[in-house]
PDB file of N, CA and C in Angstrom:
ATOM      1  N   ASP A   1      -8.026  -9.646  19.396  1.00  0.00           N
ATOM      2  CA  ASP A   1      -7.613  -8.348  19.484  1.00  0.00           C
ATOM      3  C   ASP A   1      -6.769  -7.914  18.309  1.00  0.00           C
ATOM      4  N   ARG A   2      -7.239  -6.998  17.642  1.00  0.00           N
ATOM      5  CA  ARG A   2      -6.633  -6.696  16.337  1.00  0.00           C
ATOM      6  C   ARG A   2      -5.531  -5.615  16.399  1.00  0.00           C
ATOM      7  N   GLU A   3      -4.591  -5.593  15.782  1.00  0.00           N
ATOM      8  CA  GLU A   3      -3.485  -4.590  15.794  1.00  0.00           C
ATOM      9  C   GLU A   3      -3.693  -3.708  14.532  1.00  0.00           C
ATOM     10  N   VAL A   4      -3.657  -2.473  14.740  1.00  0.00           N
ATOM     11  CA  VAL A   4      -3.757  -1.493  13.750  1.00  0.00           C
ATOM     12  C   VAL A   4      -2.445  -1.263  13.184  1.00  0.00           C
ATOM     13  N   GLU A   5      -2.434  -1.179  11.822  1.00  0.00           N
ATOM     14  CA  GLU A   5      -1.072  -0.960  11.044  1.00  0.00           C
ATOM     15  C   GLU A   5      -1.194   0.460  10.382  1.00  0.00           C
ATOM     16  N   PHE A   6      -0.265   1.467  10.504  1.00  0.00           N
ATOM     17  CA  PHE A   6      -0.364   2.667   9.940  1.00  0.00           C
ATOM     18  C   PHE A   6       0.678   2.767   8.687  1.00  0.00           C
ATOM     19  N   TYR A   7       0.261   3.172   7.574  1.00  0.00           N
ATOM     20  CA  TYR A   7       1.062   3.410   6.429  1.00  0.00           C
ATOM     21  C   TYR A   7       0.825   4.945   5.994  1.00  0.00           C
ATOM     22  N   ALA A   8       1.928   5.517   5.545  1.00  0.00           N
ATOM     23  CA  ALA A   8       1.925   6.763   5.020  1.00  0.00           C
ATOM     24  C   ALA A   8       3.010   6.949   3.951  1.00  0.00           C
ATOM     25  N   PRO A   9       2.671   7.838   3.112  1.00  0.00           N
ATOM     26  CA  PRO A   9       3.684   8.163   1.966  1.00  0.00           C
ATOM     27  C   PRO A   9       4.816   8.867   2.540  1.00  0.00           C
ATOM     28  N   GLU A  10       5.932   8.807   1.979  1.00  0.00           N
ATOM     29  CA  GLU A  10       7.213   9.493   2.363  1.00  0.00           C
ATOM     30  C   GLU A  10       6.915  10.974   2.496  1.00  0.00           C
ATOM     31  N   TYR A  11       6.046  11.497   1.595  1.00  0.00           N
ATOM     32  CA  TYR A  11       5.781  12.926   1.576  1.00  0.00           C
ATOM     33  C   TYR A  11       5.270  13.466   2.895  1.00  0.00           C
ATOM     34  N   LEU A  12       4.727  12.699   3.725  1.00  0.00           N
ATOM     35  CA  LEU A  12       4.306  13.131   5.037  1.00  0.00           C
ATOM     36  C   LEU A  12       5.401  13.611   5.862  1.00  0.00           C
ATOM     37  N   LYS A  13       6.655  12.989   5.783  1.00  0.00           N
ATOM     38  CA  LYS A  13       7.780  13.425   6.469  1.00  0.00           C
ATOM     39  C   LYS A  13       8.100  14.919   6.122  1.00  0.00           C
ATOM     40  N   GLY A  14       8.056  15.270   4.818  1.00  0.00           N
ATOM     41  CA  GLY A  14       8.343  16.679   4.391  1.00  0.00           C
ATOM     42  C   GLY A  14       7.234  17.573   4.826  1.00  0.00           C
ATOM     43  N   GLU A  15       6.131  17.123   4.895  1.00  0.00           N
ATOM     44  CA  GLU A  15       4.998  17.925   5.338  1.00  0.00           C
ATOM     45  C   GLU A  15       5.182  18.326   6.804  1.00  0.00           C
ATOM     46  N   ILE A  16       5.433  17.221   7.584  1.00  0.00           N
ATOM     47  CA  ILE A  16       5.702  17.381   9.078  1.00  0.00           C
ATOM     48  C   ILE A  16       6.855  18.405   9.217  1.00  0.00           C
ATOM     49  N   GLU A  17       7.971  18.158   8.531  1.00  0.00           N
ATOM     50  CA  GLU A  17       9.141  18.927   8.702  1.00  0.00           C
ATOM     51  C   GLU A  17       8.832  20.478   8.668  1.00  0.00           C
ATOM     52  N   LYS A  18       8.007  20.786   7.593  1.00  0.00           N
ATOM     53  CA  LYS A  18       7.623  22.101   7.243  1.00  0.00           C
ATOM     54  C   LYS A  18       6.914  22.793   8.480  1.00  0.00           C
ATOM     55  N   HIS A  19       6.148  22.024   9.149  1.00  0.00           N
ATOM     56  CA  HIS A  19       5.472  22.678  10.241  1.00  0.00           C
ATOM     57  C   HIS A  19       5.982  22.502  11.608  1.00  0.00           C
ATOM     58  N   ILE A  20       7.206  22.053  11.631  1.00  0.00           N
ATOM     59  CA  ILE A  20       7.862  21.783  13.096  1.00  0.00           C
ATOM     60  C   ILE A  20       7.902  23.210  13.835  1.00  0.00           C
ATOM     61  N   PRO A  21       8.138  24.326  13.258  1.00  0.00           N
ATOM     62  CA  PRO A  21       8.076  25.624  14.064  1.00  0.00           C
ATOM     63  C   PRO A  21       6.712  25.869  14.686  1.00  0.00           C
ATOM     64  N   LYS A  22       5.724  25.584  13.846  1.00  0.00           N
ATOM     65  CA  LYS A  22       4.411  25.629  14.455  1.00  0.00           C
ATOM     66  C   LYS A  22       4.049  24.589  15.491  1.00  0.00           C
ATOM     67  N   ILE A  23       4.548  23.420  15.338  1.00  0.00           N
ATOM     68  CA  ILE A  23       4.315  22.472  16.286  1.00  0.00           C
ATOM     69  C   ILE A  23       4.936  22.823  17.630  1.00  0.00           C
ATOM     70  N   VAL A  24       6.215  23.267  17.492  1.00  0.00           N
ATOM     71  CA  VAL A  24       7.054  23.891  18.655  1.00  0.00           C
ATOM     72  C   VAL A  24       6.256  24.870  19.458  1.00  0.00           C
ATOM     73  N   GLU A  25       5.674  25.767  18.584  1.00  0.00           N
ATOM     74  CA  GLU A  25       4.892  26.922  19.283  1.00  0.00           C
ATOM     75  C   GLU A  25       3.642  26.431  19.919  1.00  0.00           C
ATOM     76  N   LYS A  26       2.953  25.552  19.222  1.00  0.00           N
ATOM     77  CA  LYS A  26       1.577  25.172  19.865  1.00  0.00           C
ATOM     78  C   LYS A  26       1.802  24.264  21.061  1.00  0.00           C
ATOM     79  N   THR A  27       2.944  23.400  21.001  1.00  0.00           N
ATOM     80  CA  THR A  27       3.108  22.433  22.242  1.00  0.00           C
ATOM     81  C   THR A  27       3.883  22.904  23.308  1.00  0.00           C
ATOM     82  N   ASN A  28       4.498  24.101  23.223  1.00  0.00           N
ATOM     83  CA  ASN A  28       5.372  24.570  24.186  1.00  0.00           C
ATOM     84  C   ASN A  28       6.417  23.686  24.635  1.00  0.00           C
ATOM     85  N   GLN A  29       6.841  22.874  23.651  1.00  0.00           N
ATOM     86  CA  GLN A  29       8.024  21.980  23.851  1.00  0.00           C
ATOM     87  C   GLN A  29       9.129  22.625  22.895  1.00  0.00           C
ATOM     88  N   THR A  30      10.333  22.050  23.368  1.00  0.00           N
ATOM     89  CA  THR A  30      11.505  22.459  22.543  1.00  0.00           C
ATOM     90  C   THR A  30      11.551  21.745  21.187  1.00  0.00           C
ATOM     91  N   GLU A  31      12.182  22.257  20.275  1.00  0.00           N
ATOM     92  CA  GLU A  31      12.400  21.587  19.024  1.00  0.00           C
ATOM     93  C   GLU A  31      12.856  20.266  19.153  1.00  0.00           C
ATOM     94  N   GLU A  32      13.841  20.007  20.003  1.00  0.00           N
ATOM     95  CA  GLU A  32      14.444  18.725  20.304  1.00  0.00           C
ATOM     96  C   GLU A  32      13.384  17.654  20.741  1.00  0.00           C
ATOM     97  N   GLU A  33      12.428  18.268  21.738  1.00  0.00           N
ATOM     98  CA  GLU A  33      11.396  17.308  22.314  1.00  0.00           C
ATOM     99  C   GLU A  33      10.421  17.060  21.208  1.00  0.00           C
ATOM    100  N   VAL A  34      10.066  17.985  20.383  1.00  0.00           N
ATOM    101  CA  VAL A  34       9.133  17.646  19.303  1.00  0.00           C
ATOM    102  C   VAL A  34       9.707  16.575  18.316  1.00  0.00           C
ATOM    103  N   ARG A  35      10.944  16.919  17.847  1.00  0.00           N
ATOM    104  CA  ARG A  35      11.625  15.998  17.025  1.00  0.00           C
ATOM    105  C   ARG A  35      11.697  14.513  17.643  1.00  0.00           C
ATOM    106  N   GLU A  36      11.882  14.515  18.861  1.00  0.00           N
ATOM    107  CA  GLU A  36      11.969  13.077  19.485  1.00  0.00           C
ATOM    108  C   GLU A  36      10.648  12.359  19.444  1.00  0.00           C
ATOM    109  N   THR A  37       9.550  13.119  19.690  1.00  0.00           N
ATOM    110  CA  THR A  37       8.207  12.664  19.682  1.00  0.00           C
ATOM    111  C   THR A  37       7.919  12.208  18.195  1.00  0.00           C
ATOM    112  N   ILE A  38       8.243  13.075  17.227  1.00  0.00           N
ATOM    113  CA  ILE A  38       7.943  12.708  15.923  1.00  0.00           C
ATOM    114  C   ILE A  38       8.790  11.514  15.467  1.00  0.00           C
ATOM    115  N   GLN A  39       9.900  11.302  15.955  1.00  0.00           N
ATOM    116  CA  GLN A  39      10.697  10.002  15.563  1.00  0.00           C
ATOM    117  C   GLN A  39      10.093   8.803  16.304  1.00  0.00           C
ATOM    118  N   LEU A  40       9.485   8.990  17.363  1.00  0.00           N
ATOM    119  CA  LEU A  40       8.791   7.942  18.117  1.00  0.00           C
ATOM    120  C   LEU A  40       7.567   7.465  17.279  1.00  0.00           C
ATOM    121  N   ALA A  41       6.771   8.530  16.903  1.00  0.00           N
ATOM    122  CA  ALA A  41       5.582   8.244  16.067  1.00  0.00           C
ATOM    123  C   ALA A  41       6.037   7.451  14.741  1.00  0.00           C
ATOM    124  N   TYR A  42       7.229   7.914  14.093  1.00  0.00           N
ATOM    125  CA  TYR A  42       7.658   7.205  12.934  1.00  0.00           C
ATOM    126  C   TYR A  42       7.933   5.830  13.181  1.00  0.00           C
ATOM    127  N   THR A  43       8.228   5.345  14.296  1.00  0.00           N
ATOM    128  CA  THR A  43       8.558   3.902  14.437  1.00  0.00           C
ATOM    129  C   THR A  43       7.178   3.046  14.403  1.00  0.00           C
ATOM    130  N   LYS A  44       6.065   3.806  14.455  1.00  0.00           N
ATOM    131  CA  LYS A  44       4.782   3.021  14.344  1.00  0.00           C
ATOM    132  C   LYS A  44       4.126   3.087  13.025  1.00  0.00           C
ATOM    133  N   ILE A  45       4.893   3.839  12.075  1.00  0.00           N
ATOM    134  CA  ILE A  45       4.330   3.976  10.654  1.00  0.00           C
ATOM    135  C   ILE A  45       5.191   3.290   9.735  1.00  0.00           C
ATOM    136  N   THR A  46       4.731   2.631   8.731  1.00  0.00           N
ATOM    137  CA  THR A  46       5.444   2.153   7.746  1.00  0.00           C
ATOM    138  C   THR A  46       5.352   3.057   6.506  1.00  0.00           C
ATOM    139  N   PHE A  47       6.425   3.576   6.134  1.00  0.00           N
ATOM    140  CA  PHE A  47       6.418   4.658   5.043  1.00  0.00           C
ATOM    141  C   PHE A  47       6.647   3.953   3.742  1.00  0.00           C
ATOM    142  N   ILE A  48       5.961   4.433   2.790  1.00  0.00           N
ATOM    143  CA  ILE A  48       5.968   3.918   1.327  1.00  0.00           C
ATOM    144  C   ILE A  48       6.448   5.169   0.495  1.00  0.00           C
ATOM    145  N   ALA A  49       7.555   4.742  -0.217  1.00  0.00           N
ATOM    146  CA  ALA A  49       8.218   5.765  -1.191  1.00  0.00           C
ATOM    147  C   ALA A  49       7.042   6.166  -2.114  1.00  0.00           C
ATOM    148  N   ASP A  50       6.974   7.552  -2.291  1.00  0.00           N
ATOM    149  CA  ASP A  50       5.907   7.920  -3.307  1.00  0.00           C
ATOM    150  C   ASP A  50       5.938   7.343  -4.587  1.00  0.00           C
ATOM    151  N   ALA A  51       7.236   7.158  -5.090  1.00  0.00           N
ATOM    152  CA  ALA A  51       7.421   6.593  -6.484  1.00  0.00           C
ATOM    153  C   ALA A  51       7.198   5.145  -6.523  1.00  0.00           C
ATOM    154  N   GLN A  52       6.921   4.391  -5.343  1.00  0.00           N
ATOM    155  CA  GLN A  52       6.588   3.033  -5.347  1.00  0.00           C
ATOM    156  C   GLN A  52       5.028   2.868  -5.583  1.00  0.00           C
ATOM    157  N   ILE A  53       4.399   3.858  -5.440  1.00  0.00           N
ATOM    158  CA  ILE A  53       2.901   3.837  -5.765  1.00  0.00           C
ATOM    159  C   ILE A  53       2.515   3.923  -7.170  1.00  0.00           C
ATOM    160  N   PRO A  54       2.128   2.734  -7.849  1.00  0.00           N
ATOM    161  CA  PRO A  54       1.916   2.801  -9.269  1.00  0.00           C
ATOM    162  C   PRO A  54       0.977   3.974  -9.835  1.00  0.00           C
ATOM    163  N   VAL A  55       1.517   4.441 -10.975  1.00  0.00           N
ATOM    164  CA  VAL A  55       0.853   5.628 -11.549  1.00  0.00           C
ATOM    165  C   VAL A  55      -0.535   5.636 -11.778  1.00  0.00           C
ATOM    166  N   GLN A  56      -1.189   4.415 -11.902  1.00  0.00           N
ATOM    167  CA  GLN A  56      -2.607   4.330 -12.127  1.00  0.00           C
ATOM    168  C   GLN A  56      -3.365   4.759 -10.891  1.00  0.00           C
ATOM    169  N   PHE A  57      -2.775   4.679  -9.672  1.00  0.00           N
ATOM    170  CA  PHE A  57      -3.405   4.973  -8.476  1.00  0.00           C
ATOM    171  C   PHE A  57      -3.409   6.542  -8.330  1.00  0.00           C
ATOM    172  N   TYR A  58      -2.307   7.127  -8.769  1.00  0.00           N
ATOM    173  CA  TYR A  58      -2.260   8.608  -8.837  1.00  0.00           C
ATOM    174  C   TYR A  58      -3.344   9.161  -9.878  1.00  0.00           C
ATOM    175  N   MET A  59      -3.487   8.388 -10.954  1.00  0.00           N
ATOM    176  CA  MET A  59      -4.511   8.876 -11.935  1.00  0.00           C
ATOM    177  C   MET A  59      -5.839   8.809 -11.405  1.00  0.00           C
ATOM    178  N   LYS A  60      -6.192   7.773 -10.590  1.00  0.00           N
ATOM    179  CA  LYS A  60      -7.497   7.451  -9.868  1.00  0.00           C
ATOM    180  C   LYS A  60      -7.686   8.633  -8.877  1.00  0.00           C
ATOM    181  N   ALA A  61      -6.526   8.998  -8.088  1.00  0.00           N
ATOM    182  CA  ALA A  61      -6.606  10.015  -6.949  1.00  0.00           C
ATOM    183  C   ALA A  61      -6.768  11.535  -7.601  1.00  0.00           C
ATOM    184  N   ALA A  62      -6.300  11.767  -8.724  1.00  0.00           N
ATOM    185  CA  ALA A  62      -6.242  13.147  -9.204  1.00  0.00           C
ATOM    186  C   ALA A  62      -7.590  13.805  -9.253  1.00  0.00           C
ATOM    187  N   PRO A  63      -8.406  13.245  -9.864  1.00  0.00           N
ATOM    188  CA  PRO A  63      -9.750  13.908  -9.995  1.00  0.00           C
ATOM    189  C   PRO A  63     -10.614  13.977  -8.518  1.00  0.00           C
ATOM    190  N   LEU A  64     -10.244  13.159  -7.699  1.00  0.00           N
ATOM    191  CA  LEU A  64     -10.765  13.201  -6.229  1.00  0.00           C
ATOM    192  C   LEU A  64     -10.266  14.441  -5.425  1.00  0.00           C
ATOM    193  N   VAL A  65      -9.089  14.934  -5.825  1.00  0.00           N
ATOM    194  CA  VAL A  65      -8.436  15.831  -4.866  1.00  0.00           C
ATOM    195  C   VAL A  65      -8.116  17.199  -5.611  1.00  0.00           C
ATOM    196  N   GLN A  66      -8.263  17.220  -6.907  1.00  0.00           N
ATOM    197  CA  GLN A  66      -7.974  18.357  -7.792  1.00  0.00           C
ATOM    198  C   GLN A  66      -8.621  19.622  -7.303  1.00  0.00           C
ATOM    199  N   ASP A  67     -10.013  19.608  -6.779  1.00  0.00           N
ATOM    200  CA  ASP A  67     -10.557  20.880  -6.432  1.00  0.00           C
ATOM    201  C   ASP A  67     -10.599  20.938  -5.017  1.00  0.00           C
ATOM    202  N   VAL A  68      -9.954  20.128  -4.274  1.00  0.00           N
ATOM    203  CA  VAL A  68      -9.850  20.138  -2.773  1.00  0.00           C
ATOM    204  C   VAL A  68      -8.472  20.560  -2.342  1.00  0.00           C
ATOM    205  N   ASP A  69      -7.407  19.860  -2.479  1.00  0.00           N
ATOM    206  CA  ASP A  69      -6.115  20.061  -2.328  1.00  0.00           C
ATOM    207  C   ASP A  69      -5.209  19.153  -3.076  1.00  0.00           C
ATOM    208  N   PRO A  70      -4.695  19.603  -4.194  1.00  0.00           N
ATOM    209  CA  PRO A  70      -3.962  18.657  -5.067  1.00  0.00           C
ATOM    210  C   PRO A  70      -2.749  17.951  -4.391  1.00  0.00           C
ATOM    211  N   ASN A  71      -2.286  18.680  -3.330  1.00  0.00           N
ATOM    212  CA  ASN A  71      -1.149  18.037  -2.641  1.00  0.00           C
ATOM    213  C   ASN A  71      -1.471  16.937  -1.690  1.00  0.00           C
ATOM    214  N   ASP A  72      -2.718  16.510  -1.660  1.00  0.00           N
ATOM    215  CA  ASP A  72      -3.206  15.398  -1.019  1.00  0.00           C
ATOM    216  C   ASP A  72      -3.266  14.197  -1.979  1.00  0.00           C
ATOM    217  N   ILE A  73      -2.976  14.265  -3.173  1.00  0.00           N
ATOM    218  CA  ILE A  73      -2.943  13.322  -4.190  1.00  0.00           C
ATOM    219  C   ILE A  73      -2.263  11.969  -3.687  1.00  0.00           C
ATOM    220  N   VAL A  74      -1.073  12.183  -3.161  1.00  0.00           N
ATOM    221  CA  VAL A  74      -0.344  11.002  -2.721  1.00  0.00           C
ATOM    222  C   VAL A  74      -0.855  10.209  -1.666  1.00  0.00           C
ATOM    223  N   PHE A  75      -1.605  10.835  -0.720  1.00  0.00           N
ATOM    224  CA  PHE A  75      -2.436  10.265   0.460  1.00  0.00           C
ATOM    225  C   PHE A  75      -3.559   9.286  -0.148  1.00  0.00           C
ATOM    226  N   VAL A  76      -4.259   9.842  -1.139  1.00  0.00           N
ATOM    227  CA  VAL A  76      -5.347   9.176  -1.645  1.00  0.00           C
ATOM    228  C   VAL A  76      -4.877   8.013  -2.660  1.00  0.00           C
ATOM    229  N   ALA A  77      -3.731   8.360  -3.269  1.00  0.00           N
ATOM    230  CA  ALA A  77      -3.086   7.369  -4.251  1.00  0.00           C
ATOM    231  C   ALA A  77      -2.645   6.147  -3.468  1.00  0.00           C
ATOM    232  N   LEU A  78      -2.042   6.374  -2.290  1.00  0.00           N
ATOM    233  CA  LEU A  78      -1.502   5.255  -1.442  1.00  0.00           C
ATOM    234  C   LEU A  78      -2.601   4.632  -0.909  1.00  0.00           C
ATOM    235  N   ASN A  79      -3.749   5.327  -0.388  1.00  0.00           N
ATOM    236  CA  ASN A  79      -4.996   4.591   0.007  1.00  0.00           C
ATOM    237  C   ASN A  79      -5.546   3.688  -0.976  1.00  0.00           C
ATOM    238  N   GLU A  80      -5.610   3.986  -2.204  1.00  0.00           N
ATOM    239  CA  GLU A  80      -6.047   3.220  -3.191  1.00  0.00           C
ATOM    240  C   GLU A  80      -5.206   1.996  -3.511  1.00  0.00           C
ATOM    241  N   TYR A  81      -3.859   2.347  -3.457  1.00  0.00           N
ATOM    242  CA  TYR A  81      -2.876   1.244  -3.691  1.00  0.00           C
ATOM    243  C   TYR A  81      -2.993   0.261  -2.635  1.00  0.00           C
ATOM    244  N   MET A  82      -3.246   0.532  -1.391  1.00  0.00           N
ATOM    245  CA  MET A  82      -3.273  -0.359  -0.280  1.00  0.00           C
ATOM    246  C   MET A  82      -4.568  -0.853  -0.084  1.00  0.00           C
ATOM    247  N   ASP A  83      -5.485  -0.360  -0.734  1.00  0.00           N
ATOM    248  CA  ASP A  83      -7.034  -0.666  -0.636  1.00  0.00           C
ATOM    249  C   ASP A  83      -7.430  -0.738   0.856  1.00  0.00           C
ATOM    250  N   GLU A  84      -7.229   0.495   1.546  1.00  0.00           N
ATOM    251  CA  GLU A  84      -7.579   0.567   2.954  1.00  0.00           C
ATOM    252  C   GLU A  84      -8.389   1.732   3.274  1.00  0.00           C
ATOM    253  N   LEU A  85      -8.529   2.279   4.508  1.00  0.00           N
ATOM    254  CA  LEU A  85      -9.308   3.430   4.870  1.00  0.00           C
ATOM    255  C   LEU A  85      -8.280   4.455   5.094  1.00  0.00           C
ATOM    256  N   LEU A  86      -8.512   5.676   4.537  1.00  0.00           N
ATOM    257  CA  LEU A  86      -7.694   6.896   4.664  1.00  0.00           C
ATOM    258  C   LEU A  86      -8.142   7.610   5.962  1.00  0.00           C
ATOM    259  N   TRP A  87      -7.367   7.697   7.033  1.00  0.00           N
ATOM    260  CA  TRP A  87      -7.656   8.280   8.206  1.00  0.00           C
ATOM    261  C   TRP A  87      -7.056   9.743   8.103  1.00  0.00           C
ATOM    262  N   THR A  88      -7.944  10.652   8.346  1.00  0.00           N
ATOM    263  CA  THR A  88      -7.502  12.063   8.130  1.00  0.00           C
ATOM    264  C   THR A  88      -8.133  12.977   9.095  1.00  0.00           C
ATOM    265  N   GLY A  89      -7.467  13.918   9.511  1.00  0.00           N
ATOM    266  CA  GLY A  89      -8.106  14.987  10.320  1.00  0.00           C
ATOM    267  C   GLY A  89      -8.376  16.270   9.509  1.00  0.00           C
ATOM    268  N   ASP A  90      -8.039  16.177   8.155  1.00  0.00           N
ATOM    269  CA  ASP A  90      -8.226  17.158   7.204  1.00  0.00           C
ATOM    270  C   ASP A  90      -9.752  17.214   6.901  1.00  0.00           C
ATOM    271  N   MET A  91     -10.463  18.024   7.484  1.00  0.00           N
ATOM    272  CA  MET A  91     -11.948  17.962   7.235  1.00  0.00           C
ATOM    273  C   MET A  91     -12.258  18.391   5.874  1.00  0.00           C
ATOM    274  N   GLU A  92     -11.571  19.312   5.373  1.00  0.00           N
ATOM    275  CA  GLU A  92     -11.714  19.791   3.802  1.00  0.00           C
ATOM    276  C   GLU A  92     -11.530  18.648   2.855  1.00  0.00           C
ATOM    277  N   LEU A  93     -10.401  17.838   3.133  1.00  0.00           N
ATOM    278  CA  LEU A  93     -10.352  16.591   2.386  1.00  0.00           C
ATOM    279  C   LEU A  93     -11.393  15.563   2.678  1.00  0.00           C
ATOM    280  N   TYR A  94     -11.629  15.397   3.792  1.00  0.00           N
ATOM    281  CA  TYR A  94     -12.711  14.322   4.136  1.00  0.00           C
ATOM    282  C   TYR A  94     -14.113  14.648   3.434  1.00  0.00           C
ATOM    283  N   HIS A  95     -14.555  15.915   3.628  1.00  0.00           N
ATOM    284  CA  HIS A  95     -15.923  16.317   3.082  1.00  0.00           C
ATOM    285  C   HIS A  95     -15.661  16.259   1.512  1.00  0.00           C
ATOM    286  N   GLY A  96     -14.488  16.628   0.944  1.00  0.00           N
ATOM    287  CA  GLY A  96     -14.337  16.767  -0.496  1.00  0.00           C
ATOM    288  C   GLY A  96     -14.324  15.445  -1.170  1.00  0.00           C
ATOM    289  N   LEU A  97     -13.743  14.404  -0.386  1.00  0.00           N
ATOM    290  CA  LEU A  97     -13.853  13.163  -0.892  1.00  0.00           C
ATOM    291  C   LEU A  97     -15.209  12.471  -0.798  1.00  0.00           C
ATOM    292  N   ARG A  98     -15.793  12.668   0.353  1.00  0.00           N
ATOM    293  CA  ARG A  98     -17.177  12.143   0.635  1.00  0.00           C
ATOM    294  C   ARG A  98     -18.130  12.790  -0.305  1.00  0.00           C
ATOM    295  N   SER A  99     -18.019  13.994  -0.688  1.00  0.00           N
ATOM    296  CA  SER A  99     -19.053  14.632  -1.635  1.00  0.00           C
ATOM    297  C   SER A  99     -18.810  14.080  -3.024  1.00  0.00           C
ATOM    298  N   LYS A 100     -17.703  13.405  -3.295  1.00  0.00           N
ATOM    299  CA  LYS A 100     -17.658  12.761  -4.594  1.00  0.00           C
ATOM    300  C   LYS A 100     -17.883  11.213  -4.510  1.00  0.00           C
ATOM    301  N   GLY A 101     -18.438  10.828  -3.434  1.00  0.00           N
ATOM    302  CA  GLY A 101     -18.867   9.440  -3.271  1.00  0.00           C
ATOM    303  C   GLY A 101     -17.723   8.494  -2.800  1.00  0.00           C
ATOM    304  N   TYR A 102     -16.640   9.040  -2.464  1.00  0.00           N
ATOM    305  CA  TYR A 102     -15.439   8.256  -1.991  1.00  0.00           C
ATOM    306  C   TYR A 102     -15.702   7.949  -0.488  1.00  0.00           C
ATOM    307  N   THR A 103     -15.908   6.636  -0.190  1.00  0.00           N
ATOM    308  CA  THR A 103     -16.219   6.143   1.149  1.00  0.00           C
ATOM    309  C   THR A 103     -15.037   5.623   1.900  1.00  0.00           C
ATOM    310  N   LYS A 104     -13.854   5.393   1.238  1.00  0.00           N
ATOM    311  CA  LYS A 104     -12.838   4.871   2.052  1.00  0.00           C
ATOM    312  C   LYS A 104     -11.946   5.858   2.754  1.00  0.00           C
ATOM    313  N   VAL A 105     -12.671   6.773   3.476  1.00  0.00           N
ATOM    314  CA  VAL A 105     -12.023   7.889   4.282  1.00  0.00           C
ATOM    315  C   VAL A 105     -12.742   7.989   5.577  1.00  0.00           C
ATOM    316  N   ILE A 106     -11.920   7.978   6.595  1.00  0.00           N
ATOM    317  CA  ILE A 106     -12.673   8.102   7.926  1.00  0.00           C
ATOM    318  C   ILE A 106     -11.900   9.239   8.916  1.00  0.00           C
ATOM    319  N   THR A 107     -12.517   9.655   9.863  1.00  0.00           N
ATOM    320  CA  THR A 107     -11.940  10.608  10.869  1.00  0.00           C
ATOM    321  C   THR A 107     -11.899   9.932  12.199  1.00  0.00           C
ATOM    322  N   PHE A 108     -11.131  10.612  13.002  1.00  0.00           N
ATOM    323  CA  PHE A 108     -11.117  10.163  14.502  1.00  0.00           C
ATOM    324  C   PHE A 108     -12.414   9.845  15.029  1.00  0.00           C
ATOM    325  N   GLU A 109     -13.377  10.726  14.827  1.00  0.00           N
ATOM    326  CA  GLU A 109     -14.758  10.669  15.378  1.00  0.00           C
ATOM    327  C   GLU A 109     -15.344   9.411  14.834  1.00  0.00           C
ATOM    328  N   ASP A 110     -15.069   9.134  13.496  1.00  0.00           N
ATOM    329  CA  ASP A 110     -15.582   7.758  12.927  1.00  0.00           C
ATOM    330  C   ASP A 110     -15.114   6.593  13.647  1.00  0.00           C
ATOM    331  N   ILE A 111     -13.826   6.661  13.932  1.00  0.00           N
ATOM    332  CA  ILE A 111     -13.142   5.570  14.683  1.00  0.00           C
ATOM    333  C   ILE A 111     -13.754   5.328  15.950  1.00  0.00           C
ATOM    334  N   LYS A 112     -13.902   6.560  16.711  1.00  0.00           N
ATOM    335  CA  LYS A 112     -14.498   6.434  18.046  1.00  0.00           C
ATOM    336  C   LYS A 112     -15.879   5.830  18.044  1.00  0.00           C
ATOM    337  N   LYS A 113     -16.744   6.198  17.068  1.00  0.00           N
ATOM    338  CA  LYS A 113     -17.997   5.598  16.954  1.00  0.00           C
ATOM    339  C   LYS A 113     -17.892   3.961  16.659  1.00  0.00           C
ATOM    340  N   MET A 114     -16.968   3.620  15.675  1.00  0.00           N
ATOM    341  CA  MET A 114     -16.834   2.255  15.271  1.00  0.00           C
ATOM    342  C   MET A 114     -16.479   1.276  16.480  1.00  0.00           C
ATOM    343  N   PHE A 115     -15.759   1.917  17.370  1.00  0.00           N
ATOM    344  CA  PHE A 115     -15.087   1.105  18.447  1.00  0.00           C
ATOM    345  C   PHE A 115     -15.758   1.441  19.823  1.00  0.00           C
ATOM    346  N   ASP A 116     -16.782   2.247  19.716  1.00  0.00           N
ATOM    347  CA  ASP A 116     -17.548   2.545  20.842  1.00  0.00           C
ATOM    348  C   ASP A 116     -16.638   3.181  21.993  1.00  0.00           C
ATOM    349  N   LEU A 117     -15.767   4.097  21.580  1.00  0.00           N
ATOM    350  CA  LEU A 117     -14.796   4.743  22.483  1.00  0.00           C
ATOM    351  C   LEU A 117     -15.315   5.883  23.066  1.00  0.00           C
TER     352      LEU A 117
END
């Protein structure tokens, strides 16, 4: 039985913070409930400081995201640094990376197929 480990750049926390009002609206939960759920999720994620990712990984990620969403550079840079699979629900990023031959990116649908869920 394998345990899955989740890693994310610190940048993700800022992105989530920006979207809290939208999350509250979509979930019909109070802001406090949303924040509690987010904090629980954070206990399952190892956050890596964006500055901890060596510059060469940002340089490798830049051309992959420049015409898709430059804000995603830190996610791809971290993925390269960790040499893992990037799990994303951002289909624009997913297809943009795949179209450039980047295969270290998966979606939840891919995971369901991999594990026959």
